[in-house]
């Protein structure tokens, strides 16, 4: 079961979301492995997909994994996407943000405020 909070701007290419998934049975706590999702992006977008980074981060005081990439689609700006996530015994948490690649740095401060305000 997932609960999602969306943050959208007037532009259809700029958004952020926090997803919290709840489990009915406990699981081991871990950072999220984005490899399977990346494989799906490579299949879906081919040469239009470009990985920027995949590594470690903090989210709400928890160790998390981070995945950043860009996607080019016809007739739209190239978008930069960032996913940060982790799992606890009873839940998983993902913060995602999207903005046009050429505007990404302009939006990082706003996305950072949303990310910093997150508390699980």
PDB file of N, CA and C in Angstrom:
ATOM      1  N   UNK A   1       0.848  -1.172   0.000  1.00  0.00           N
ATOM      2  CA  UNK A   1       0.000   0.000   0.000  1.00  0.00           C
ATOM      3  C   UNK A   1       0.896   1.239   0.000  1.00  0.00           C
ATOM      4  N   UNK A   2       0.692   2.137  -0.974  1.00  0.00           N
ATOM      5  CA  UNK A   2       1.497   3.347  -1.089  1.00  0.00           C
ATOM      6  C   UNK A   2       0.645   4.593  -0.851  1.00  0.00           C
ATOM      7  N   UNK A   3       1.227   5.553  -0.169  1.00  0.00           N
ATOM      8  CA  UNK A   3       0.663   6.891  -0.042  1.00  0.00           C
ATOM      9  C   UNK A   3       1.616   7.817  -0.771  1.00  0.00           C
ATOM     10  N   UNK A   4       1.094   8.673  -1.621  1.00  0.00           N
ATOM     11  CA  UNK A   4       1.944   9.550  -2.420  1.00  0.00           C
ATOM     12  C   UNK A   4       1.497  10.990  -2.264  1.00  0.00           C
ATOM     13  N   UNK A   5       2.465  11.871  -2.063  1.00  0.00           N
ATOM     14  CA  UNK A   5       2.228  13.307  -2.036  1.00  0.00           C
ATOM     15  C   UNK A   5       2.966  13.909  -3.219  1.00  0.00           C
ATOM     16  N   UNK A   6       2.232  14.634  -4.071  1.00  0.00           N
ATOM     17  CA  UNK A   6       2.810  15.253  -5.264  1.00  0.00           C
ATOM     18  C   UNK A   6       2.982  16.747  -5.053  1.00  0.00           C
ATOM     19  N   UNK A   7       4.073  17.259  -5.574  1.00  0.00           N
ATOM     20  CA  UNK A   7       4.343  18.693  -5.621  1.00  0.00           C
ATOM     21  C   UNK A   7       4.508  19.033  -7.097  1.00  0.00           C
ATOM     22  N   UNK A   8       3.634  19.855  -7.630  1.00  0.00           N
ATOM     23  CA  UNK A   8       3.685  20.179  -9.060  1.00  0.00           C
ATOM     24  C   UNK A   8       3.790  21.689  -9.247  1.00  0.00           C
ATOM     25  N   UNK A   9       4.440  22.060 -10.320  1.00  0.00           N
ATOM     26  CA  UNK A   9       4.509  23.461 -10.687  1.00  0.00           C
ATOM     27  C   UNK A   9       3.528  23.703 -11.829  1.00  0.00           C
ATOM     28  N   UNK A  10       3.502  24.916 -12.338  1.00  0.00           N
ATOM     29  CA  UNK A  10       2.653  25.204 -13.489  1.00  0.00           C
ATOM     30  C   UNK A  10       3.167  24.515 -14.746  1.00  0.00           C
ATOM     31  N   UNK A  11       4.458  24.193 -14.770  1.00  0.00           N
ATOM     32  CA  UNK A  11       5.047  23.502 -15.918  1.00  0.00           C
ATOM     33  C   UNK A  11       4.788  21.999 -15.805  1.00  0.00           C
ATOM     34  N   UNK A  12       4.389  21.338 -16.887  1.00  0.00           N
ATOM     35  CA  UNK A  12       4.179  19.892 -16.825  1.00  0.00           C
ATOM     36  C   UNK A  12       5.490  19.104 -16.697  1.00  0.00           C
ATOM     37  N   UNK A  13       6.626  19.793 -16.842  1.00  0.00           N
ATOM     38  CA  UNK A  13       7.921  19.118 -16.807  1.00  0.00           C
ATOM     39  C   UNK A  13       8.620  19.239 -15.458  1.00  0.00           C
ATOM     40  N   UNK A  14       7.970  19.862 -14.467  1.00  0.00           N
ATOM     41  CA  UNK A  14       8.585  20.067 -13.159  1.00  0.00           C
ATOM     42  C   UNK A  14       7.665  19.489 -12.089  1.00  0.00           C
ATOM     43  N   UNK A  15       8.195  18.541 -11.308  1.00  0.00           N
ATOM     44  CA  UNK A  15       7.389  17.937 -10.247  1.00  0.00           C
ATOM     45  C   UNK A  15       8.301  17.279  -9.220  1.00  0.00           C
ATOM     46  N   UNK A  16       7.724  16.978  -8.074  1.00  0.00           N
ATOM     47  CA  UNK A  16       8.398  16.204  -7.033  1.00  0.00           C
ATOM     48  C   UNK A  16       7.332  15.356  -6.364  1.00  0.00           C
ATOM     49  N   UNK A  17       7.749  14.242  -5.776  1.00  0.00           N
ATOM     50  CA  UNK A  17       6.803  13.355  -5.095  1.00  0.00           C
ATOM     51  C   UNK A  17       7.498  12.627  -3.955  1.00  0.00           C
ATOM     52  N   UNK A  18       6.737  12.346  -2.926  1.00  0.00           N
ATOM     53  CA  UNK A  18       7.187  11.495  -1.822  1.00  0.00           C
ATOM     54  C   UNK A  18       6.222  10.320  -1.775  1.00  0.00           C
ATOM     55  N   UNK A  19       6.766   9.115  -1.870  1.00  0.00           N
ATOM     56  CA  UNK A  19       5.952   7.899  -1.799  1.00  0.00           C
ATOM     57  C   UNK A  19       6.355   7.114  -0.556  1.00  0.00           C
ATOM     58  N   UNK A  20       5.364   6.715   0.218  1.00  0.00           N
ATOM     59  CA  UNK A  20       5.604   5.892   1.396  1.00  0.00           C
ATOM     60  C   UNK A  20       4.800   4.613   1.227  1.00  0.00           C
ATOM     61  N   UNK A  21       5.506   3.496   1.175  1.00  0.00           N
ATOM     62  CA  UNK A  21       4.864   2.201   1.048  1.00  0.00           C
ATOM     63  C   UNK A  21       4.861   1.485   2.381  1.00  0.00           C
ATOM     64  N   UNK A  22       3.762   0.837   2.692  1.00  0.00           N
ATOM     65  CA  UNK A  22       3.644   0.107   3.953  1.00  0.00           C
ATOM     66  C   UNK A  22       3.538  -1.380   3.677  1.00  0.00           C
ATOM     67  N   UNK A  23       4.211  -2.183   4.517  1.00  0.00           N
ATOM     68  CA  UNK A  23       4.179  -3.635   4.378  1.00  0.00           C
ATOM     69  C   UNK A  23       3.268  -4.244   5.446  1.00  0.00           C
ATOM     70  N   UNK A  24       2.672  -5.373   5.113  1.00  0.00           N
ATOM     71  CA  UNK A  24       1.848  -6.087   6.095  1.00  0.00           C
ATOM     72  C   UNK A  24       2.688  -7.063   6.907  1.00  0.00           C
ATOM     73  N   UNK A  25       3.866  -7.430   6.388  1.00  0.00           N
ATOM     74  CA  UNK A  25       4.807  -8.278   7.118  1.00  0.00           C
ATOM     75  C   UNK A  25       6.178  -7.624   7.074  1.00  0.00           C
ATOM     76  N   UNK A  26       7.005  -7.813   8.100  1.00  0.00           N
ATOM     77  CA  UNK A  26       8.307  -7.138   8.125  1.00  0.00           C
ATOM     78  C   UNK A  26       9.268  -7.689   7.072  1.00  0.00           C
ATOM     79  N   UNK A  27      10.192  -6.820   6.672  1.00  0.00           N
ATOM     80  CA  UNK A  27      11.239  -7.171   5.719  1.00  0.00           C
ATOM     81  C   UNK A  27      12.533  -6.573   6.248  1.00  0.00           C
ATOM     82  N   UNK A  28      13.651  -6.943   5.674  1.00  0.00           N
ATOM     83  CA  UNK A  28      14.903  -6.372   6.145  1.00  0.00           C
ATOM     84  C   UNK A  28      15.035  -4.932   5.655  1.00  0.00           C
ATOM     85  N   UNK A  29      15.610  -4.080   6.493  1.00  0.00           N
ATOM     86  CA  UNK A  29      15.839  -2.681   6.129  1.00  0.00           C
ATOM     87  C   UNK A  29      16.995  -2.616   5.141  1.00  0.00           C
ATOM     88  N   UNK A  30      16.860  -1.777   4.131  1.00  0.00           N
ATOM     89  CA  UNK A  30      17.895  -1.684   3.104  1.00  0.00           C
ATOM     90  C   UNK A  30      17.737  -0.398   2.306  1.00  0.00           C
ATOM     91  N   UNK A  31      18.769  -0.033   1.574  1.00  0.00           N
ATOM     92  CA  UNK A  31      18.605   1.037   0.593  1.00  0.00           C
ATOM     93  C   UNK A  31      17.948   0.407  -0.623  1.00  0.00           C
ATOM     94  N   UNK A  32      17.362   1.202  -1.474  1.00  0.00           N
ATOM     95  CA  UNK A  32      16.678   0.663  -2.650  1.00  0.00           C
ATOM     96  C   UNK A  32      17.682   0.460  -3.776  1.00  0.00           C
ATOM     97  N   UNK A  33      17.620  -0.690  -4.417  1.00  0.00           N
ATOM     98  CA  UNK A  33      18.478  -0.997  -5.550  1.00  0.00           C
ATOM     99  C   UNK A  33      17.736  -0.580  -6.815  1.00  0.00           C
ATOM    100  N   UNK A  34      18.282   0.424  -7.516  1.00  0.00           N
ATOM    101  CA  UNK A  34      17.608   0.977  -8.687  1.00  0.00           C
ATOM    102  C   UNK A  34      17.930   0.229  -9.976  1.00  0.00           C
ATOM    103  N   UNK A  35      18.755  -0.807  -9.921  1.00  0.00           N
ATOM    104  CA  UNK A  35      19.227  -1.473 -11.136  1.00  0.00           C
ATOM    105  C   UNK A  35      18.089  -1.985 -12.010  1.00  0.00           C
ATOM    106  N   UNK A  36      17.085  -2.615 -11.433  1.00  0.00           N
ATOM    107  CA  UNK A  36      15.970  -3.134 -12.223  1.00  0.00           C
ATOM    108  C   UNK A  36      15.186  -2.026 -12.909  1.00  0.00           C
ATOM    109  N   UNK A  37      14.990  -0.923 -12.190  1.00  0.00           N
ATOM    110  CA  UNK A  37      14.298   0.208 -12.799  1.00  0.00           C
ATOM    111  C   UNK A  37      15.142   0.829 -13.906  1.00  0.00           C
ATOM    112  N   UNK A  38      16.459   0.875 -13.697  1.00  0.00           N
ATOM    113  CA  UNK A  38      17.327   1.428 -14.733  1.00  0.00           C
ATOM    114  C   UNK A  38      17.274   0.556 -15.987  1.00  0.00           C
ATOM    115  N   UNK A  39      17.298  -0.749 -15.812  1.00  0.00           N
ATOM    116  CA  UNK A  39      17.197  -1.646 -16.971  1.00  0.00           C
ATOM    117  C   UNK A  39      15.920  -1.374 -17.765  1.00  0.00           C
ATOM    118  N   UNK A  40      14.811  -1.134 -17.060  1.00  0.00           N
ATOM    119  CA  UNK A  40      13.549  -0.840 -17.740  1.00  0.00           C
ATOM    120  C   UNK A  40      13.637   0.484 -18.509  1.00  0.00           C
ATOM    121  N   UNK A  41      14.295   1.483 -17.920  1.00  0.00           N
ATOM    122  CA  UNK A  41      14.463   2.770 -18.607  1.00  0.00           C
ATOM    123  C   UNK A  41      15.319   2.614 -19.873  1.00  0.00           C
ATOM    124  N   UNK A  42      16.372   1.807 -19.781  1.00  0.00           N
ATOM    125  CA  UNK A  42      17.234   1.570 -20.947  1.00  0.00           C
ATOM    126  C   UNK A  42      16.451   0.900 -22.073  1.00  0.00           C
ATOM    127  N   UNK A  43      15.596  -0.057 -21.715  1.00  0.00           N
ATOM    128  CA  UNK A  43      14.779  -0.735 -22.731  1.00  0.00           C
ATOM    129  C   UNK A  43      13.768   0.244 -23.323  1.00  0.00           C
ATOM    130  N   UNK A  44      13.127   1.021 -22.474  1.00  0.00           N
ATOM    131  CA  UNK A  44      12.079   1.938 -22.927  1.00  0.00           C
ATOM    132  C   UNK A  44      12.622   3.089 -23.776  1.00  0.00           C
ATOM    133  N   UNK A  45      13.764   3.694 -23.347  1.00  0.00           N
ATOM    134  CA  UNK A  45      14.247   4.897 -24.006  1.00  0.00           C
ATOM    135  C   UNK A  45      15.512   4.705 -24.844  1.00  0.00           C
ATOM    136  N   UNK A  46      16.182   3.579 -24.702  1.00  0.00           N
ATOM    137  CA  UNK A  46      17.375   3.325 -25.500  1.00  0.00           C
ATOM    138  C   UNK A  46      18.398   4.433 -25.372  1.00  0.00           C
ATOM    139  N   UNK A  47      18.812   4.987 -26.497  1.00  0.00           N
ATOM    140  CA  UNK A  47      19.847   6.026 -26.499  1.00  0.00           C
ATOM    141  C   UNK A  47      19.352   7.355 -25.940  1.00  0.00           C
ATOM    142  N   UNK A  48      18.049   7.489 -25.735  1.00  0.00           N
ATOM    143  CA  UNK A  48      17.537   8.723 -25.133  1.00  0.00           C
ATOM    144  C   UNK A  48      17.714   8.741 -23.611  1.00  0.00           C
ATOM    145  N   UNK A  49      18.116   7.608 -23.023  1.00  0.00           N
ATOM    146  CA  UNK A  49      18.364   7.507 -21.579  1.00  0.00           C
ATOM    147  C   UNK A  49      19.847   7.753 -21.317  1.00  0.00           C
ATOM    148  N   UNK A  50      20.154   8.539 -20.280  1.00  0.00           N
ATOM    149  CA  UNK A  50      21.550   8.777 -19.892  1.00  0.00           C
ATOM    150  C   UNK A  50      21.636   8.817 -18.365  1.00  0.00           C
ATOM    151  N   UNK A  51      22.416   7.892 -17.787  1.00  0.00           N
ATOM    152  CA  UNK A  51      22.616   7.901 -16.339  1.00  0.00           C
ATOM    153  C   UNK A  51      23.550   9.059 -15.981  1.00  0.00           C
ATOM    154  N   UNK A  52      23.192   9.797 -14.921  1.00  0.00           N
ATOM    155  CA  UNK A  52      24.024  10.875 -14.399  1.00  0.00           C
ATOM    156  C   UNK A  52      24.781  10.376 -13.167  1.00  0.00           C
ATOM    157  N   UNK A  53      24.075   9.692 -12.261  1.00  0.00           N
ATOM    158  CA  UNK A  53      24.707   9.217 -11.026  1.00  0.00           C
ATOM    159  C   UNK A  53      23.888   8.085 -10.427  1.00  0.00           C
ATOM    160  N   UNK A  54      24.558   7.212  -9.704  1.00  0.00           N
ATOM    161  CA  UNK A  54      23.912   6.190  -8.907  1.00  0.00           C
ATOM    162  C   UNK A  54      24.832   5.979  -7.701  1.00  0.00           C
ATOM    163  N   UNK A  55      24.320   6.206  -6.493  1.00  0.00           N
ATOM    164  CA  UNK A  55      25.174   6.108  -5.319  1.00  0.00           C
ATOM    165  C   UNK A  55      24.376   6.180  -4.035  1.00  0.00           C
ATOM    166  N   UNK A  56      24.973   6.788  -3.001  1.00  0.00           N
ATOM    167  CA  UNK A  56      24.370   6.843  -1.672  1.00  0.00           C
ATOM    168  C   UNK A  56      23.987   8.275  -1.312  1.00  0.00           C
ATOM    169  N   UNK A  57      22.983   8.394  -0.439  1.00  0.00           N
ATOM    170  CA  UNK A  57      22.497   9.699   0.017  1.00  0.00           C
ATOM    171  C   UNK A  57      21.831   9.511   1.380  1.00  0.00           C
ATOM    172  N   UNK A  58      21.342  10.589   1.937  1.00  0.00           N
ATOM    173  CA  UNK A  58      20.529  10.540   3.149  1.00  0.00           C
ATOM    174  C   UNK A  58      19.150  11.078   2.809  1.00  0.00           C
ATOM    175  N   UNK A  59      18.126  10.472   3.374  1.00  0.00           N
ATOM    176  CA  UNK A  59      16.752  10.942   3.215  1.00  0.00           C
ATOM    177  C   UNK A  59      16.061  10.793   4.561  1.00  0.00           C
ATOM    178  N   UNK A  60      15.635  11.906   5.128  1.00  0.00           N
ATOM    179  CA  UNK A  60      14.965  11.856   6.433  1.00  0.00           C
ATOM    180  C   UNK A  60      15.817  11.208   7.503  1.00  0.00           C
ATOM    181  N   UNK A  61      17.146  11.373   7.414  1.00  0.00           N
ATOM    182  CA  UNK A  61      18.061  10.803   8.398  1.00  0.00           C
ATOM    183  C   UNK A  61      18.391   9.338   8.180  1.00  0.00           C
ATOM    184  N   UNK A  62      17.874   8.723   7.123  1.00  0.00           N
ATOM    185  CA  UNK A  62      18.133   7.322   6.805  1.00  0.00           C
ATOM    186  C   UNK A  62      19.118   7.230   5.638  1.00  0.00           C
ATOM    187  N   UNK A  63      19.984   6.233   5.685  1.00  0.00           N
ATOM    188  CA  UNK A  63      20.829   5.975   4.526  1.00  0.00           C
ATOM    189  C   UNK A  63      19.938   5.526   3.377  1.00  0.00           C
ATOM    190  N   UNK A  64      20.187   6.082   2.218  1.00  0.00           N
ATOM    191  CA  UNK A  64      19.345   5.804   1.053  1.00  0.00           C
ATOM    192  C   UNK A  64      20.225   5.681  -0.179  1.00  0.00           C
ATOM    193  N   UNK A  65      19.637   5.214  -1.250  1.00  0.00           N
ATOM    194  CA  UNK A  65      20.360   5.193  -2.526  1.00  0.00           C
ATOM    195  C   UNK A  65      19.789   6.301  -3.408  1.00  0.00           C
ATOM    196  N   UNK A  66      20.641   6.800  -4.284  1.00  0.00           N
ATOM    197  CA  UNK A  66      20.237   7.881  -5.176  1.00  0.00           C
ATOM    198  C   UNK A  66      20.502   7.465  -6.610  1.00  0.00           C
ATOM    199  N   UNK A  67      19.607   7.860  -7.494  1.00  0.00           N
ATOM    200  CA  UNK A  67      19.732   7.568  -8.922  1.00  0.00           C
ATOM    201  C   UNK A  67      19.302   8.817  -9.672  1.00  0.00           C
ATOM    202  N   UNK A  68      20.183   9.340 -10.490  1.00  0.00           N
ATOM    203  CA  UNK A  68      19.869  10.498 -11.314  1.00  0.00           C
ATOM    204  C   UNK A  68      20.107  10.145 -12.769  1.00  0.00           C
ATOM    205  N   UNK A  69      19.190  10.608 -13.629  1.00  0.00           N
ATOM    206  CA  UNK A  69      19.343  10.335 -15.053  1.00  0.00           C
ATOM    207  C   UNK A  69      18.605  11.388 -15.861  1.00  0.00           C
ATOM    208  N   UNK A  70      18.884  11.410 -17.150  1.00  0.00           N
ATOM    209  CA  UNK A  70      18.186  12.285 -18.073  1.00  0.00           C
ATOM    210  C   UNK A  70      17.508  11.450 -19.147  1.00  0.00           C
ATOM    211  N   UNK A  71      16.374  11.953 -19.616  1.00  0.00           N
ATOM    212  CA  UNK A  71      15.622  11.285 -20.687  1.00  0.00           C
ATOM    213  C   UNK A  71      15.247  12.338 -21.724  1.00  0.00           C
ATOM    214  N   UNK A  72      15.536  12.026 -22.972  1.00  0.00           N
ATOM    215  CA  UNK A  72      15.116  12.873 -24.096  1.00  0.00           C
ATOM    216  C   UNK A  72      13.910  12.214 -24.750  1.00  0.00           C
ATOM    217  N   UNK A  73      12.839  12.965 -24.909  1.00  0.00           N
ATOM    218  CA  UNK A  73      11.651  12.483 -25.613  1.00  0.00           C
ATOM    219  C   UNK A  73      11.371  13.449 -26.760  1.00  0.00           C
ATOM    220  N   UNK A  74      10.800  12.974 -27.837  1.00  0.00           N
ATOM    221  CA  UNK A  74      10.482  13.872 -28.952  1.00  0.00           C
ATOM    222  C   UNK A  74       9.542  14.999 -28.528  1.00  0.00           C
ATOM    223  N   UNK A  75       9.803  16.183 -29.022  1.00  0.00           N
ATOM    224  CA  UNK A  75       8.940  17.356 -28.827  1.00  0.00           C
ATOM    225  C   UNK A  75       8.781  17.805 -27.377  1.00  0.00           C
ATOM    226  N   UNK A  76       9.702  17.427 -26.503  1.00  0.00           N
ATOM    227  CA  UNK A  76       9.689  17.894 -25.113  1.00  0.00           C
ATOM    228  C   UNK A  76      11.132  18.179 -24.706  1.00  0.00           C
ATOM    229  N   UNK A  77      11.312  18.993 -23.660  1.00  0.00           N
ATOM    230  CA  UNK A  77      12.691  19.228 -23.219  1.00  0.00           C
ATOM    231  C   UNK A  77      13.280  17.956 -22.599  1.00  0.00           C
ATOM    232  N   UNK A  78      14.604  17.819 -22.682  1.00  0.00           N
ATOM    233  CA  UNK A  78      15.278  16.736 -21.969  1.00  0.00           C
ATOM    234  C   UNK A  78      15.030  16.958 -20.482  1.00  0.00           C
ATOM    235  N   UNK A  79      14.574  15.916 -19.779  1.00  0.00           N
ATOM    236  CA  UNK A  79      14.297  16.051 -18.352  1.00  0.00           C
ATOM    237  C   UNK A  79      15.348  15.334 -17.523  1.00  0.00           C
ATOM    238  N   UNK A  80      15.641  15.931 -16.382  1.00  0.00           N
ATOM    239  CA  UNK A  80      16.552  15.363 -15.386  1.00  0.00           C
ATOM    240  C   UNK A  80      15.671  14.808 -14.283  1.00  0.00           C
ATOM    241  N   UNK A  81      15.898  13.547 -13.910  1.00  0.00           N
ATOM    242  CA  UNK A  81      15.113  12.907 -12.858  1.00  0.00           C
ATOM    243  C   UNK A  81      16.041  12.439 -11.750  1.00  0.00           C
ATOM    244  N   UNK A  82      15.556  12.535 -10.534  1.00  0.00           N
ATOM    245  CA  UNK A  82      16.311  12.078  -9.370  1.00  0.00           C
ATOM    246  C   UNK A  82      15.387  11.250  -8.488  1.00  0.00           C
ATOM    247  N   UNK A  83      15.864  10.085  -8.069  1.00  0.00           N
ATOM    248  CA  UNK A  83      15.139   9.227  -7.131  1.00  0.00           C
ATOM    249  C   UNK A  83      16.057   8.949  -5.951  1.00  0.00           C
ATOM    250  N   UNK A  84      15.528   9.103  -4.732  1.00  0.00           N
ATOM    251  CA  UNK A  84      16.261   8.767  -3.508  1.00  0.00           C
ATOM    252  C   UNK A  84      15.335   7.863  -2.699  1.00  0.00           C
ATOM    253  N   UNK A  85      15.838   6.689  -2.237  1.00  0.00           N
ATOM    254  CA  UNK A  85      14.947   5.790  -1.522  1.00  0.00           C
ATOM    255  C   UNK A  85      15.625   4.858  -0.550  1.00  0.00           C
ATOM    256  N   UNK A  86      14.831   4.376   0.399  1.00  0.00           N
ATOM    257  CA  UNK A  86      15.281   3.380   1.374  1.00  0.00           C
ATOM    258  C   UNK A  86      14.084   2.569   1.848  1.00  0.00           C
ATOM    259  N   UNK A  87      14.370   1.455   2.508  1.00  0.00           N
ATOM    260  CA  UNK A  87      13.324   0.617   3.107  1.00  0.00           C
ATOM    261  C   UNK A  87      13.638   0.393   4.577  1.00  0.00           C
ATOM    262  N   UNK A  88      12.597   0.391   5.407  1.00  0.00           N
ATOM    263  CA  UNK A  88      12.721  -0.020   6.802  1.00  0.00           C
ATOM    264  C   UNK A  88      12.046  -1.385   6.914  1.00  0.00           C
ATOM    265  N   UNK A  89      11.929  -1.908   8.124  1.00  0.00           N
ATOM    266  CA  UNK A  89      11.268  -3.206   8.281  1.00  0.00           C
ATOM    267  C   UNK A  89       9.818  -3.158   7.797  1.00  0.00           C
ATOM    268  N   UNK A  90       9.147  -2.025   7.995  1.00  0.00           N
ATOM    269  CA  UNK A  90       7.721  -1.952   7.726  1.00  0.00           C
ATOM    270  C   UNK A  90       7.322  -1.021   6.582  1.00  0.00           C
ATOM    271  N   UNK A  91       8.279  -0.292   6.014  1.00  0.00           N
ATOM    272  CA  UNK A  91       7.897   0.648   4.960  1.00  0.00           C
ATOM    273  C   UNK A  91       9.052   0.907   3.995  1.00  0.00           C
ATOM    274  N   UNK A  92       8.723   1.519   2.887  1.00  0.00           N
ATOM    275  CA  UNK A  92       9.732   2.023   1.959  1.00  0.00           C
ATOM    276  C   UNK A  92       9.387   3.468   1.656  1.00  0.00           C
ATOM    277  N   UNK A  93      10.416   4.267   1.424  1.00  0.00           N
ATOM    278  CA  UNK A  93      10.241   5.691   1.192  1.00  0.00           C
ATOM    279  C   UNK A  93      11.030   6.080  -0.050  1.00  0.00           C
ATOM    280  N   UNK A  94      10.381   6.809  -0.957  1.00  0.00           N
ATOM    281  CA  UNK A  94      11.042   7.283  -2.171  1.00  0.00           C
ATOM    282  C   UNK A  94      10.711   8.755  -2.356  1.00  0.00           C
ATOM    283  N   UNK A  95      11.756   9.550  -2.590  1.00  0.00           N
ATOM    284  CA  UNK A  95      11.580  10.952  -2.964  1.00  0.00           C
ATOM    285  C   UNK A  95      12.021  11.063  -4.412  1.00  0.00           C
ATOM    286  N   UNK A  96      11.187  11.637  -5.266  1.00  0.00           N
ATOM    287  CA  UNK A  96      11.561  11.823  -6.662  1.00  0.00           C
ATOM    288  C   UNK A  96      11.353  13.270  -7.070  1.00  0.00           C
ATOM    289  N   UNK A  97      12.186  13.726  -8.000  1.00  0.00           N
ATOM    290  CA  UNK A  97      12.085  15.093  -8.507  1.00  0.00           C
ATOM    291  C   UNK A  97      12.402  15.080  -9.994  1.00  0.00           C
ATOM    292  N   UNK A  98      11.708  15.929 -10.750  1.00  0.00           N
ATOM    293  CA  UNK A  98      11.891  16.020 -12.195  1.00  0.00           C
ATOM    294  C   UNK A  98      11.860  17.485 -12.621  1.00  0.00           C
ATOM    295  N   UNK A  99      12.797  17.856 -13.491  1.00  0.00           N
ATOM    296  CA  UNK A  99      12.816  19.206 -14.071  1.00  0.00           C
ATOM    297  C   UNK A  99      13.557  19.135 -15.398  1.00  0.00           C
ATOM    298  N   UNK A 100      13.306  20.117 -16.278  1.00  0.00           N
ATOM    299  CA  UNK A 100      14.094  20.145 -17.512  1.00  0.00           C
ATOM    300  C   UNK A 100      15.591  20.182 -17.177  1.00  0.00           C
ATOM    301  N   UNK A 101      16.390  19.427 -17.907  1.00  0.00           N
ATOM    302  CA  UNK A 101      17.824  19.306 -17.607  1.00  0.00           C
ATOM    303  C   UNK A 101      18.506  20.665 -17.557  1.00  0.00           C
ATOM    304  N   UNK A 102      18.162  21.557 -18.459  1.00  0.00           N
ATOM    305  CA  UNK A 102      18.839  22.858 -18.476  1.00  0.00           C
ATOM    306  C   UNK A 102      18.421  23.737 -17.300  1.00  0.00           C
ATOM    307  N   UNK A 103      17.331  23.400 -16.601  1.00  0.00           N
ATOM    308  CA  UNK A 103      16.866  24.157 -15.436  1.00  0.00           C
ATOM    309  C   UNK A 103      17.112  23.418 -14.115  1.00  0.00           C
ATOM    310  N   UNK A 104      17.710  22.232 -14.167  1.00  0.00           N
ATOM    311  CA  UNK A 104      17.850  21.391 -12.979  1.00  0.00           C
ATOM    312  C   UNK A 104      18.488  22.144 -11.818  1.00  0.00           C
ATOM    313  N   UNK A 105      19.605  22.825 -12.068  1.00  0.00           N
ATOM    314  CA  UNK A 105      20.300  23.537 -10.980  1.00  0.00           C
ATOM    315  C   UNK A 105      19.417  24.624 -10.378  1.00  0.00           C
ATOM    316  N   UNK A 106      18.585  25.258 -11.192  1.00  0.00           N
ATOM    317  CA  UNK A 106      17.683  26.291 -10.686  1.00  0.00           C
ATOM    318  C   UNK A 106      16.652  25.720  -9.717  1.00  0.00           C
ATOM    319  N   UNK A 107      16.264  24.474  -9.913  1.00  0.00           N
ATOM    320  CA  UNK A 107      15.238  23.839  -9.088  1.00  0.00           C
ATOM    321  C   UNK A 107      15.800  23.060  -7.906  1.00  0.00           C
ATOM    322  N   UNK A 108      17.097  22.800  -7.867  1.00  0.00           N
ATOM    323  CA  UNK A 108      17.669  21.973  -6.797  1.00  0.00           C
ATOM    324  C   UNK A 108      17.391  22.537  -5.409  1.00  0.00           C
ATOM    325  N   UNK A 109      17.449  23.849  -5.249  1.00  0.00           N
ATOM    326  CA  UNK A 109      17.200  24.441  -3.939  1.00  0.00           C
ATOM    327  C   UNK A 109      15.772  24.146  -3.477  1.00  0.00           C
ATOM    328  N   UNK A 110      14.796  24.302  -4.386  1.00  0.00           N
ATOM    329  CA  UNK A 110      13.404  24.015  -4.025  1.00  0.00           C
ATOM    330  C   UNK A 110      13.202  22.537  -3.723  1.00  0.00           C
ATOM    331  N   UNK A 111      13.764  21.667  -4.564  1.00  0.00           N
ATOM    332  CA  UNK A 111      13.654  20.234  -4.304  1.00  0.00           C
ATOM    333  C   UNK A 111      14.328  19.885  -2.978  1.00  0.00           C
ATOM    334  N   UNK A 112      15.462  20.532  -2.695  1.00  0.00           N
ATOM    335  CA  UNK A 112      16.160  20.299  -1.431  1.00  0.00           C
ATOM    336  C   UNK A 112      15.315  20.660  -0.231  1.00  0.00           C
ATOM    337  N   UNK A 113      14.564  21.751  -0.330  1.00  0.00           N
ATOM    338  CA  UNK A 113      13.676  22.145   0.789  1.00  0.00           C
ATOM    339  C   UNK A 113      12.586  21.106   1.012  1.00  0.00           C
ATOM    340  N   UNK A 114      12.027  20.593  -0.069  1.00  0.00           N
ATOM    341  CA  UNK A 114      11.010  19.549   0.078  1.00  0.00           C
ATOM    342  C   UNK A 114      11.636  18.307   0.707  1.00  0.00           C
ATOM    343  N   UNK A 115      12.787  17.916   0.188  1.00  0.00           N
ATOM    344  CA  UNK A 115      13.492  16.735   0.708  1.00  0.00           C
ATOM    345  C   UNK A 115      13.869  16.928   2.169  1.00  0.00           C
ATOM    346  N   UNK A 116      14.395  18.114   2.542  1.00  0.00           N
ATOM    347  CA  UNK A 116      14.808  18.375   3.922  1.00  0.00           C
ATOM    348  C   UNK A 116      13.631  18.428   4.888  1.00  0.00           C
ATOM    349  N   UNK A 117      12.460  18.804   4.398  1.00  0.00           N
ATOM    350  CA  UNK A 117      11.294  18.892   5.278  1.00  0.00           C
ATOM    351  C   UNK A 117      10.694  17.517   5.548  1.00  0.00           C
ATOM    352  N   UNK A 118      11.143  16.523   4.764  1.00  0.00           N
ATOM    353  CA  UNK A 118      10.597  15.174   4.923  1.00  0.00           C
ATOM    354  C   UNK A 118      11.065  14.579   6.235  1.00  0.00           C
ATOM    355  N   UNK A 119      10.167  13.989   6.942  1.00  0.00           N
ATOM    356  CA  UNK A 119      10.482  13.290   8.182  1.00  0.00           C
ATOM    357  C   UNK A 119       9.569  12.081   8.261  1.00  0.00           C
ATOM    358  N   UNK A 120      10.163  10.906   8.481  1.00  0.00           N
ATOM    359  CA  UNK A 120       9.333   9.696   8.519  1.00  0.00           C
ATOM    360  C   UNK A 120       8.881   9.364   9.909  1.00  0.00           C
TER     361      UNK A 120
END
